Amino acid sequence: MKAYDGMYIDGAWRPAAGPDVIEVVNPADEQVIATVPAGTVEDVDAAVRAARAALPAWAATPPAERAARLAALRDVLVARQDEIAGTVTAELGSPLKLSQAVHAGVPIAVAGSYAELAATYAFEEKAGNSTVLHEPVGVVGAITPWNYPLHQIVAKTAPALAAGCTIVVKPAEDTPLVARLFAEAVHEAGIPAGVFNLVTGLGPVAGQALAEHPGVDLVSFTGSTAVGRRIGAIASGMVKKVALELGGKSANVILPSADLARAVNVGVANVMSNSGQTCSAWTRMLVHHDRYDEAVELAAAAAAKYGDRIGPLVNAKQQERVRGYIAKGVAEGARLVAGGPDSPHEKGYHVSPTVFADVTTEMTIAQEEIFGPVLSILRYTDEDDALRIANGTVYGLAGAVWAGDEAEAVAFARRMETGQVDINGGRFNPLAPFGGYKQSGVGRELGAHGLTEYLQTKSLQF
């Protein structure tokens, strides 16, 4: 076990203000692998002050120079990709192959995309007799989750730096090690002192202190809707800008003309990826009643193949939460066709890949975000019924539509109340805006729309 010390503040590792530490547990074997400092209000204040002091110079740095620093950061991440993947596997429990391709690979792509955007974005434009300036919003407080720990840090840090903002990141307490590694990469890339700062700590202490700090101009948060509401309330009381990427209960709509086997297999893979710990996962599969039984059989067979291919959940609390939802699904009358609450391993916070059939819209497992490897299959009678079910939750983060004719799928997708829809298995695009409708949040991440979140507008009239 390694005991890490210090917070990355103003370009250096500084001793924490308090003596408390957070234990980092490997969820695959339940062993403590490291400790990190538990940040205090004093640590957050020091980090925000450093970011505030660095803001004028960084905001005045030409966009081309900011782009060059982001390109250097991307290159450092590439050089340390194996170390990143191994770190995420140790603290999150994800299989190494997934860590290499997604947990390390996607942040590299996102960092690279913002290096390009910083160099090409129109920070000034003409509107009649006015010059419109797009200026950095200021100091950003970023509170990031554990499920994609490096991706979420990069998805906030890269656009903030591209915009000319400075930032303080408070990573999730379950996965702070890759955040520390990222701070090292920032330092190695030559990003000036104070532009990026890192404070590890607990949400109710360090996270709340960051959201409440008067020196923070924008709070960017990814996590549960309940915590997002709390942060939104804090920010609104201070008239502070927020970007909130919250929960999801996304629908995977398989229209009658679709290639059923492909749609089901890809849909199951989507839910099982990252052990179901993905806010945009298609956890509700909607199938026409004429093909419902076939889809259930295909889904059960597909899920059974993932027994030894997915990792554990992040901690014991999350394991019990998911088991509780599975028990509730059975109690409310859903039919368990694969998996269940029992762990397939003696050690670690595992839950078996689980599929429910005969799920109805009023059931808890059809309405609430489970955040585990659990798929609910619902039947519909016609397209209007499918749309009613797809739009029938408080969430609207992502979704999918499958049809034999692409135009048919697109027409259905246009009516869905959600922020992103994959058509017939469309690939992830790091340039496309990501974010939610309804209680899935406000604001967007990734691409030019993600950069815009970190800018404010000024008009000069001539």
Protein backbone atom coordinates (compact mmCIF):
# COMPACT_ATOMS: atom_id res chain seq x y z
CA MET A 1 0.00 0.00 0.00
CA LYS A 2 1.24 3.46 -0.91
CA ALA A 3 0.47 6.56 1.15
CA TYR A 4 0.23 9.57 -1.14
CA ASP A 5 0.66 13.03 0.30
CA GLY A 6 -0.19 16.52 -0.81
CA MET A 7 -2.54 18.39 -3.10
CA TYR A 8 -1.51 19.75 -6.49
CA ILE A 9 -1.91 23.49 -5.98
CA ASP A 10 -0.24 26.34 -7.85
CA GLY A 11 2.04 24.05 -9.81
CA ALA A 12 3.41 21.99 -6.91
CA TRP A 13 2.45 19.22 -4.49
CA ARG A 14 1.64 20.93 -1.19
CA PRO A 15 0.99 19.29 2.19
CA ALA A 16 -2.69 18.85 2.99
CA ALA A 17 -4.17 21.14 5.60
CA GLY A 18 -5.56 18.29 7.69
CA PRO A 19 -4.37 14.85 8.84
CA ASP A 20 -7.28 12.74 7.54
CA VAL A 21 -6.84 10.33 4.66
CA ILE A 22 -9.06 8.38 2.26
CA GLU A 23 -8.42 4.68 1.70
CA VAL A 24 -8.45 3.56 -1.92
CA VAL A 25 -9.76 0.00 -2.27
CA ASN A 26 -9.28 -2.36 -5.19
CA PRO A 27 -12.87 -3.54 -5.81
CA ALA A 28 -11.70 -6.79 -7.37
CA ASP A 29 -10.08 -8.14 -4.19
CA GLU A 30 -11.29 -5.66 -1.53
CA GLN A 31 -7.74 -4.76 -0.51
CA VAL A 32 -6.62 -1.24 0.38
CA ILE A 33 -4.05 -0.24 -2.23
CA ALA A 34 -3.35 3.38 -1.28
CA THR A 35 -4.33 6.38 0.80
CA VAL A 36 -4.70 9.97 -0.32
CA PRO A 37 -5.28 13.13 1.72
CA ALA A 38 -8.85 14.06 2.59
CA GLY A 39 -9.05 17.68 1.55
CA THR A 40 -10.44 20.36 3.82
CA VAL A 41 -12.10 23.71 3.29
CA GLU A 42 -8.64 25.24 3.70
CA ASP A 43 -7.22 23.09 0.90
CA VAL A 44 -10.05 24.09 -1.43
CA ASP A 45 -9.58 27.75 -0.58
CA ALA A 46 -5.85 27.56 -1.34
CA ALA A 47 -6.57 25.89 -4.68
CA VAL A 48 -9.22 28.43 -5.68
CA ARG A 49 -6.94 31.31 -4.72
CA ALA A 50 -4.18 29.83 -6.88
CA ALA A 51 -6.59 29.45 -9.81
CA ARG A 52 -7.82 33.01 -9.31
CA ALA A 53 -4.28 34.39 -9.31
CA ALA A 54 -3.37 32.47 -12.48
CA LEU A 55 -6.53 33.48 -14.36
CA PRO A 56 -5.52 36.87 -15.87
CA ALA A 57 -2.33 35.57 -17.47
CA TRP A 58 -3.88 32.35 -18.77
CA ALA A 59 -6.98 34.14 -20.12
CA ALA A 60 -4.65 36.56 -21.96
CA THR A 61 -2.57 33.72 -23.43
CA PRO A 62 -3.17 33.54 -27.20
CA PRO A 63 -5.44 30.61 -28.16
CA ALA A 64 -2.67 29.11 -30.29
CA GLU A 65 -0.42 28.88 -27.23
CA ARG A 66 -3.20 27.34 -25.15
CA ALA A 67 -3.70 24.84 -27.98
CA ALA A 68 0.00 23.97 -27.91
CA ARG A 69 -0.13 23.25 -24.16
CA LEU A 70 -3.17 21.01 -24.66
CA ALA A 71 -1.39 19.17 -27.47
CA ALA A 72 1.56 18.64 -25.14
CA LEU A 73 -0.81 17.30 -22.50
CA ARG A 74 -2.29 14.88 -25.01
CA ASP A 75 1.20 13.66 -25.89
CA VAL A 76 2.03 13.05 -22.22
CA LEU A 77 -1.19 11.06 -21.82
CA VAL A 78 -0.25 8.97 -24.85
CA ALA A 79 3.18 8.27 -23.38
CA ARG A 80 1.64 7.23 -20.07
CA GLN A 81 -1.32 5.32 -21.50
CA ASP A 82 -0.32 1.97 -20.03
CA GLU A 83 0.21 3.51 -16.59
CA ILE A 84 -3.19 5.20 -16.81
CA ALA A 85 -4.90 1.94 -17.77
CA GLY A 86 -3.25 0.00 -14.96
CA THR A 87 -4.16 2.65 -12.41
CA VAL A 88 -7.84 2.69 -13.44
CA THR A 89 -7.98 -1.11 -13.36
CA ALA A 90 -6.54 -1.11 -9.82
CA GLU A 91 -8.90 1.49 -8.34
CA LEU A 92 -12.07 0.96 -10.42
CA GLY A 93 -11.79 -2.75 -11.15
CA SER A 94 -12.40 -2.50 -14.88
CA PRO A 95 -10.81 -5.19 -17.07
CA LEU A 96 -7.45 -4.04 -18.42
CA LYS A 97 -8.59 -4.22 -22.05
CA LEU A 98 -11.44 -1.81 -21.29
CA SER A 99 -9.12 0.45 -19.31
CA GLN A 100 -6.69 0.65 -22.22
CA ALA A 101 -9.29 1.28 -24.93
CA VAL A 102 -11.78 3.46 -23.08
CA HIS A 103 -10.49 4.78 -19.76
CA ALA A 104 -7.13 5.77 -21.26
CA GLY A 105 -7.95 6.00 -24.97
CA VAL A 106 -11.00 8.26 -24.88
CA PRO A 107 -9.41 11.00 -22.74
CA ILE A 108 -6.51 11.12 -25.19
CA ALA A 109 -8.94 11.66 -28.06
CA VAL A 110 -10.83 14.34 -26.12
CA ALA A 111 -7.66 16.20 -25.16
CA GLY A 112 -6.56 16.12 -28.79
CA SER A 113 -9.91 17.44 -29.98
CA TYR A 114 -9.63 20.48 -27.71
CA ALA A 115 -6.06 21.15 -28.78
CA GLU A 116 -7.46 21.50 -32.30
CA LEU A 117 -10.52 23.50 -31.23
CA ALA A 118 -8.50 25.97 -29.19
CA ALA A 119 -6.51 26.80 -32.30
CA THR A 120 -9.51 27.19 -34.63
CA TYR A 121 -12.43 28.43 -32.49
CA ALA A 122 -13.80 31.89 -33.36
CA PHE A 123 -13.31 33.71 -30.06
CA GLU A 124 -14.34 36.92 -31.85
CA GLU A 125 -17.06 37.45 -34.47
CA LYS A 126 -18.87 40.31 -36.18
CA ALA A 127 -22.61 40.96 -35.79
CA GLY A 128 -23.60 44.08 -37.71
CA ASN A 129 -21.92 47.05 -36.09
CA SER A 130 -20.79 44.93 -33.11
CA THR A 131 -17.78 42.79 -32.35
CA VAL A 132 -18.82 39.85 -30.19
CA LEU A 133 -16.16 38.52 -27.84
CA HIS A 134 -16.26 35.03 -26.34
CA GLU A 135 -14.25 35.25 -23.13
CA PRO A 136 -13.42 32.72 -20.39
CA VAL A 137 -16.04 32.50 -17.67
CA GLY A 138 -13.32 32.49 -15.00
CA VAL A 139 -12.41 29.93 -12.35
CA VAL A 140 -14.03 26.52 -12.77
CA GLY A 141 -14.81 24.14 -9.94
CA ALA A 142 -15.02 20.61 -11.38
CA ILE A 143 -16.46 17.74 -9.35
CA THR A 144 -15.97 14.45 -11.17
CA PRO A 145 -17.33 10.89 -10.75
CA TRP A 146 -15.66 7.53 -10.35
CA ASN A 147 -17.17 5.57 -13.25
CA TYR A 148 -15.02 7.15 -15.99
CA PRO A 149 -12.53 8.89 -13.73
CA LEU A 150 -9.99 10.25 -16.21
CA HIS A 151 -12.43 10.87 -19.05
CA GLN A 152 -14.59 13.09 -16.87
CA ILE A 153 -11.60 15.08 -15.64
CA VAL A 154 -10.36 15.63 -19.19
CA ALA A 155 -13.87 16.40 -20.51
CA LYS A 156 -13.99 19.32 -18.06
CA THR A 157 -10.35 20.38 -17.90
CA ALA A 158 -9.55 20.41 -21.62
CA PRO A 159 -12.39 22.75 -22.70
CA ALA A 160 -11.90 24.94 -19.63
CA LEU A 161 -8.22 25.43 -20.47
CA ALA A 162 -8.97 25.88 -24.16
CA ALA A 163 -11.42 28.65 -23.24
CA GLY A 164 -8.83 30.43 -21.08
CA CYS A 165 -10.32 29.41 -17.73
CA THR A 166 -8.39 28.07 -14.76
CA ILE A 167 -9.69 25.09 -12.84
CA VAL A 168 -9.83 23.25 -9.52
CA VAL A 169 -10.73 19.55 -9.77
CA LYS A 170 -12.19 17.52 -6.91
CA PRO A 171 -12.18 13.88 -8.11
CA ALA A 172 -14.34 11.09 -6.74
CA GLU A 173 -12.96 9.63 -3.53
CA ASP A 174 -13.12 6.06 -4.92
CA THR A 175 -10.81 6.82 -7.86
CA PRO A 176 -8.32 9.57 -6.90
CA LEU A 177 -5.15 7.85 -8.13
CA VAL A 178 -5.64 8.46 -11.83
CA ALA A 179 -6.52 12.08 -10.97
CA ARG A 180 -3.12 12.46 -9.30
CA LEU A 181 -1.50 10.89 -12.34
CA PHE A 182 -3.28 13.46 -14.51
CA ALA A 183 -1.94 16.29 -12.35
CA GLU A 184 1.55 14.92 -13.00
CA ALA A 185 0.81 14.93 -16.72
CA VAL A 186 -0.38 18.56 -16.54
CA HIS A 187 2.89 19.50 -14.84
CA GLU A 188 4.95 17.58 -17.38
CA ALA A 189 3.10 19.28 -20.25
CA GLY A 190 4.24 22.68 -19.01
CA ILE A 191 0.84 24.12 -18.20
CA PRO A 192 1.53 27.18 -15.99
CA ALA A 193 1.25 27.03 -12.22
CA GLY A 194 -2.25 27.66 -10.88
CA VAL A 195 -4.03 26.96 -14.16
CA PHE A 196 -4.87 23.40 -13.03
CA ASN A 197 -5.26 22.46 -9.37
CA LEU A 198 -6.27 19.18 -7.72
CA VAL A 199 -7.82 18.62 -4.29
CA THR A 200 -8.73 15.08 -3.25
CA GLY A 201 -11.44 14.73 -0.64
CA LEU A 202 -14.97 13.77 0.29
CA GLY A 203 -17.96 15.24 -1.49
CA PRO A 204 -19.73 16.69 1.57
CA VAL A 205 -16.53 18.47 2.63
CA ALA A 206 -14.25 19.31 -0.30
CA GLY A 207 -16.94 19.08 -2.96
CA GLN A 208 -19.36 21.32 -1.13
CA ALA A 209 -16.60 23.80 -0.27
CA LEU A 210 -15.73 24.03 -3.96
CA ALA A 211 -19.34 24.56 -5.04
CA GLU A 212 -19.87 27.22 -2.37
CA HIS A 213 -16.60 29.09 -2.84
CA PRO A 214 -17.20 32.70 -3.91
CA GLY A 215 -14.05 32.57 -6.04
CA VAL A 216 -15.52 29.90 -8.32
CA ASP A 217 -17.42 31.26 -11.33
CA LEU A 218 -18.73 27.98 -12.77
CA VAL A 219 -19.37 24.59 -11.20
CA SER A 220 -19.16 21.61 -13.54
CA PHE A 221 -20.51 18.44 -11.96
CA THR A 222 -21.08 14.89 -13.19
CA GLY A 223 -22.93 12.50 -10.92
CA SER A 224 -26.31 11.70 -9.46
CA THR A 225 -29.38 13.83 -10.05
CA ALA A 226 -29.87 14.22 -6.29
CA VAL A 227 -26.42 15.76 -5.80
CA GLY A 228 -26.85 17.80 -8.96
CA ARG A 229 -29.99 19.38 -7.52
CA ARG A 230 -28.05 20.32 -4.40
CA ILE A 231 -25.23 21.89 -6.41
CA GLY A 232 -27.75 23.71 -8.59
CA ALA A 233 -29.42 25.15 -5.51
CA ILE A 234 -26.07 26.34 -4.11
CA ALA A 235 -25.08 27.90 -7.43
CA SER A 236 -28.43 29.60 -8.03
CA GLY A 237 -28.23 31.26 -4.62
CA MET A 238 -24.90 32.78 -5.68
CA VAL A 239 -26.00 33.45 -9.30
CA LYS A 240 -23.23 31.11 -10.41
CA LYS A 241 -23.17 29.24 -13.71
CA VAL A 242 -23.45 25.43 -13.63
CA ALA A 243 -22.97 22.55 -16.03
CA LEU A 244 -24.63 19.40 -14.73
CA GLU A 245 -24.39 15.96 -16.35
CA LEU A 246 -26.64 13.75 -14.26
CA GLY A 247 -28.48 10.44 -14.32
CA GLY A 248 -30.03 8.45 -17.13
CA LYS A 249 -32.46 5.66 -17.91
CA SER A 250 -31.92 5.43 -21.63
CA ALA A 251 -34.18 3.54 -24.01
CA ASN A 252 -32.93 1.17 -26.70
CA VAL A 253 -35.84 1.08 -29.15
CA ILE A 254 -35.83 -1.86 -31.56
CA LEU A 255 -38.36 -1.21 -34.32
CA PRO A 256 -39.97 -4.21 -36.08
CA SER A 257 -37.86 -3.80 -39.23
CA ALA A 258 -34.53 -3.94 -37.35
CA ASP A 259 -31.94 -6.70 -37.44
CA LEU A 260 -33.12 -8.09 -34.11
CA ALA A 261 -30.09 -10.25 -33.28
CA ARG A 262 -27.63 -7.41 -33.87
CA ALA A 263 -29.74 -4.86 -32.01
CA VAL A 264 -30.11 -7.13 -28.99
CA ASN A 265 -26.47 -8.19 -28.86
CA VAL A 266 -25.16 -4.64 -29.17
CA GLY A 267 -27.75 -3.49 -26.64
CA VAL A 268 -26.67 -6.07 -24.07
CA ALA A 269 -23.01 -5.21 -24.63
CA ASN A 270 -23.81 -1.53 -24.07
CA VAL A 271 -25.44 -2.25 -20.70
CA MET A 272 -22.69 -4.60 -19.51
CA SER A 273 -19.80 -2.32 -20.50
CA ASN A 274 -17.99 -0.89 -17.46
CA SER A 275 -20.09 -3.27 -15.33
CA GLY A 276 -23.18 -1.18 -16.10
CA GLN A 277 -21.65 1.86 -14.42
CA THR A 278 -22.43 4.20 -17.31
CA CYS A 279 -24.96 7.01 -17.04
CA SER A 280 -25.79 6.80 -20.76
CA ALA A 281 -26.27 2.99 -20.81
CA TRP A 282 -29.34 1.73 -22.70
CA THR A 283 -30.82 0.01 -19.66
CA ARG A 284 -34.35 -0.23 -21.10
CA MET A 285 -34.74 -2.39 -24.21
CA LEU A 286 -38.06 -1.78 -26.00
CA VAL A 287 -39.23 -4.55 -28.35
CA HIS A 288 -42.42 -4.98 -30.42
CA HIS A 289 -44.71 -7.63 -28.93
CA ASP A 290 -44.49 -9.83 -32.06
CA ARG A 291 -40.73 -10.30 -31.55
CA TYR A 292 -40.58 -9.96 -27.80
CA ASP A 293 -40.02 -13.59 -26.83
CA GLU A 294 -37.24 -13.96 -29.39
CA ALA A 295 -35.54 -10.81 -28.08
CA VAL A 296 -35.71 -12.05 -24.49
CA GLU A 297 -34.12 -15.35 -25.47
CA LEU A 298 -31.35 -13.58 -27.37
CA ALA A 299 -30.69 -11.14 -24.52
CA ALA A 300 -30.49 -13.89 -21.90
CA ALA A 301 -28.00 -15.83 -24.01
CA ALA A 302 -25.91 -12.71 -24.67
CA ALA A 303 -25.81 -11.73 -21.00
CA ALA A 304 -24.65 -15.20 -19.97
CA LYS A 305 -21.46 -14.66 -22.00
CA TYR A 306 -20.46 -11.70 -19.83
CA GLY A 307 -20.18 -13.59 -16.54
CA ASP A 308 -16.37 -13.60 -16.53
CA ARG A 309 -15.87 -10.62 -18.84
CA ILE A 310 -17.01 -7.72 -16.68
CA GLY A 311 -15.34 -6.34 -13.60
CA PRO A 312 -16.74 -5.66 -10.13
CA LEU A 313 -18.75 -2.65 -9.09
CA VAL A 314 -16.77 0.17 -7.55
CA ASN A 315 -17.50 -0.52 -3.86
CA ALA A 316 -19.59 -2.52 -1.42
CA LYS A 317 -22.25 0.18 -1.17
CA GLN A 318 -22.78 0.14 -4.92
CA GLN A 319 -22.92 -3.66 -4.90
CA GLU A 320 -25.66 -3.66 -2.28
CA ARG A 321 -27.54 -0.92 -4.13
CA VAL A 322 -27.64 -2.96 -7.33
CA ARG A 323 -28.58 -6.14 -5.48
CA GLY A 324 -31.42 -4.21 -3.86
CA TYR A 325 -32.77 -3.15 -7.26
CA ILE A 326 -32.62 -6.74 -8.51
CA ALA A 327 -34.57 -7.91 -5.46
CA LYS A 328 -37.11 -5.13 -6.02
CA GLY A 329 -37.53 -6.15 -9.65
CA VAL A 330 -38.37 -9.70 -8.62
CA ALA A 331 -40.71 -8.49 -5.87
CA GLU A 332 -42.60 -6.24 -8.28
CA GLY A 333 -43.22 -9.08 -10.73
CA ALA A 334 -40.49 -8.85 -13.34
CA ARG A 335 -39.20 -12.17 -14.68
CA LEU A 336 -35.51 -12.86 -14.10
CA VAL A 337 -34.10 -14.55 -17.23
CA ALA A 338 -30.37 -14.11 -16.59
CA GLY A 339 -28.19 -13.39 -13.60
CA GLY A 340 -29.54 -12.29 -10.25
CA PRO A 341 -28.29 -10.80 -6.99
CA ASP A 342 -25.64 -13.42 -6.22
CA SER A 343 -21.99 -12.68 -6.89
CA PRO A 344 -20.22 -14.96 -9.39
CA HIS A 345 -16.94 -14.56 -7.46
CA GLU A 346 -15.86 -15.23 -3.90
CA LYS A 347 -14.09 -11.87 -3.57
CA GLY A 348 -14.77 -8.46 -4.96
CA TYR A 349 -17.89 -6.35 -5.37
CA HIS A 350 -19.34 -8.33 -8.26
CA VAL A 351 -22.91 -8.64 -9.49
CA SER A 352 -23.91 -11.11 -12.19
CA PRO A 353 -24.97 -9.75 -15.60
CA THR A 354 -28.74 -9.59 -15.14
CA VAL A 355 -31.69 -9.44 -17.54
CA PHE A 356 -35.34 -8.90 -16.62
CA ALA A 357 -38.28 -9.66 -18.90
CA ASP A 358 -41.97 -8.76 -18.47
CA VAL A 359 -40.98 -5.34 -17.15
CA THR A 360 -43.74 -2.74 -17.11
CA THR A 361 -43.36 1.01 -17.09
CA GLU A 362 -44.48 1.51 -13.50
CA MET A 363 -41.86 -0.85 -12.04
CA THR A 364 -38.97 0.67 -10.12
CA ILE A 365 -36.38 -0.99 -12.37
CA ALA A 366 -38.00 0.72 -15.38
CA GLN A 367 -37.88 4.19 -13.83
CA GLU A 368 -34.82 4.52 -11.59
CA GLU A 369 -31.15 4.48 -12.50
CA ILE A 370 -29.60 1.25 -11.19
CA PHE A 371 -25.99 1.85 -12.28
CA GLY A 372 -25.11 -1.81 -12.58
CA PRO A 373 -25.18 -4.64 -15.16
CA VAL A 374 -28.99 -4.87 -15.20
CA LEU A 375 -31.16 -4.76 -18.34
CA SER A 376 -34.95 -4.38 -18.36
CA ILE A 377 -36.86 -5.53 -21.46
CA LEU A 378 -40.24 -3.92 -22.11
CA ARG A 379 -42.76 -4.69 -24.85
CA TYR A 380 -44.67 -2.17 -26.97
CA THR A 381 -47.60 -2.42 -29.37
CA ASP A 382 -46.82 0.24 -31.99
CA GLU A 383 -44.45 3.17 -32.56
CA ASP A 384 -46.55 5.63 -30.57
CA ASP A 385 -46.55 3.21 -27.65
CA ALA A 386 -42.78 2.79 -27.97
CA LEU A 387 -42.32 6.56 -27.96
CA ARG A 388 -44.53 6.91 -24.88
CA ILE A 389 -42.44 4.34 -23.03
CA ALA A 390 -39.11 5.76 -24.23
CA ASN A 391 -40.04 9.26 -23.07
CA GLY A 392 -41.78 8.06 -19.93
CA THR A 393 -39.09 8.74 -17.31
CA VAL A 394 -37.71 11.86 -15.65
CA TYR A 395 -34.43 11.29 -17.50
CA GLY A 396 -33.30 12.10 -21.03
CA LEU A 397 -29.58 11.53 -21.43
CA ALA A 398 -29.08 9.07 -24.29
CA GLY A 399 -30.77 6.33 -26.27
CA ALA A 400 -30.72 4.17 -29.37
CA VAL A 401 -33.01 3.31 -32.27
CA TRP A 402 -32.72 0.36 -34.63
CA ALA A 403 -34.61 -0.06 -37.91
CA GLY A 404 -34.09 -1.70 -41.30
CA ASP A 405 -34.38 1.73 -42.90
CA GLU A 406 -32.16 4.48 -41.49
CA ALA A 407 -34.71 7.19 -42.30
CA GLU A 408 -37.29 5.33 -40.21
CA ALA A 409 -34.90 5.24 -37.25
CA VAL A 410 -34.02 8.92 -37.62
CA ALA A 411 -37.69 9.90 -37.74
CA PHE A 412 -38.28 8.07 -34.45
CA ALA A 413 -35.11 9.50 -32.87
CA ARG A 414 -36.24 13.04 -33.64
CA ARG A 415 -39.25 12.49 -31.38
CA MET A 416 -37.25 11.15 -28.44
CA GLU A 417 -36.77 13.48 -25.45
CA THR A 418 -33.09 12.82 -24.95
CA GLY A 419 -29.76 14.49 -25.59
CA GLN A 420 -28.05 11.88 -27.75
CA VAL A 421 -29.37 8.98 -29.85
CA ASP A 422 -27.34 6.28 -31.61
CA ILE A 423 -28.84 5.14 -34.91
CA ASN A 424 -28.31 1.45 -35.76
CA GLY A 425 -25.26 1.27 -33.52
CA GLY A 426 -23.68 4.62 -34.38
CA ARG A 427 -20.12 5.07 -33.09
CA PHE A 428 -19.04 7.33 -30.24
CA ASN A 429 -18.02 10.76 -31.50
CA PRO A 430 -15.86 12.93 -29.19
CA LEU A 431 -16.87 16.03 -31.16
CA ALA A 432 -20.62 15.56 -30.64
CA PRO A 433 -22.28 17.41 -27.74
CA PHE A 434 -23.18 15.17 -24.82
CA GLY A 435 -25.72 16.08 -22.17
CA GLY A 436 -29.29 15.62 -21.11
CA TYR A 437 -32.88 16.70 -21.33
CA LYS A 438 -35.15 16.91 -18.27
CA GLN A 439 -33.52 15.73 -15.02
CA SER A 440 -30.46 14.40 -16.83
CA GLY A 441 -28.89 17.81 -16.50
CA VAL A 442 -28.12 21.16 -18.07
CA GLY A 443 -25.32 22.11 -20.43
CA ARG A 444 -23.22 20.03 -22.80
CA GLU A 445 -19.81 18.39 -22.80
CA LEU A 446 -17.44 17.56 -25.69
CA GLY A 447 -16.78 19.34 -28.95
CA ALA A 448 -17.45 22.99 -29.68
CA HIS A 449 -20.64 22.92 -27.58
CA GLY A 450 -18.58 21.75 -24.61
CA LEU A 451 -16.15 24.62 -25.12
CA THR A 452 -19.02 27.12 -25.19
CA GLU A 453 -20.00 26.13 -21.64
CA TYR A 454 -16.78 27.73 -20.38
CA LEU A 455 -17.23 31.02 -22.22
CA GLN A 456 -19.21 34.20 -21.61
CA THR A 457 -20.15 36.77 -24.21
CA LYS A 458 -19.38 40.45 -24.51
CA SER A 459 -20.54 42.81 -27.28
CA LEU A 460 -18.61 45.90 -28.46
CA GLN A 461 -20.69 48.35 -30.48
CA PHE A 462 -19.07 50.64 -33.08
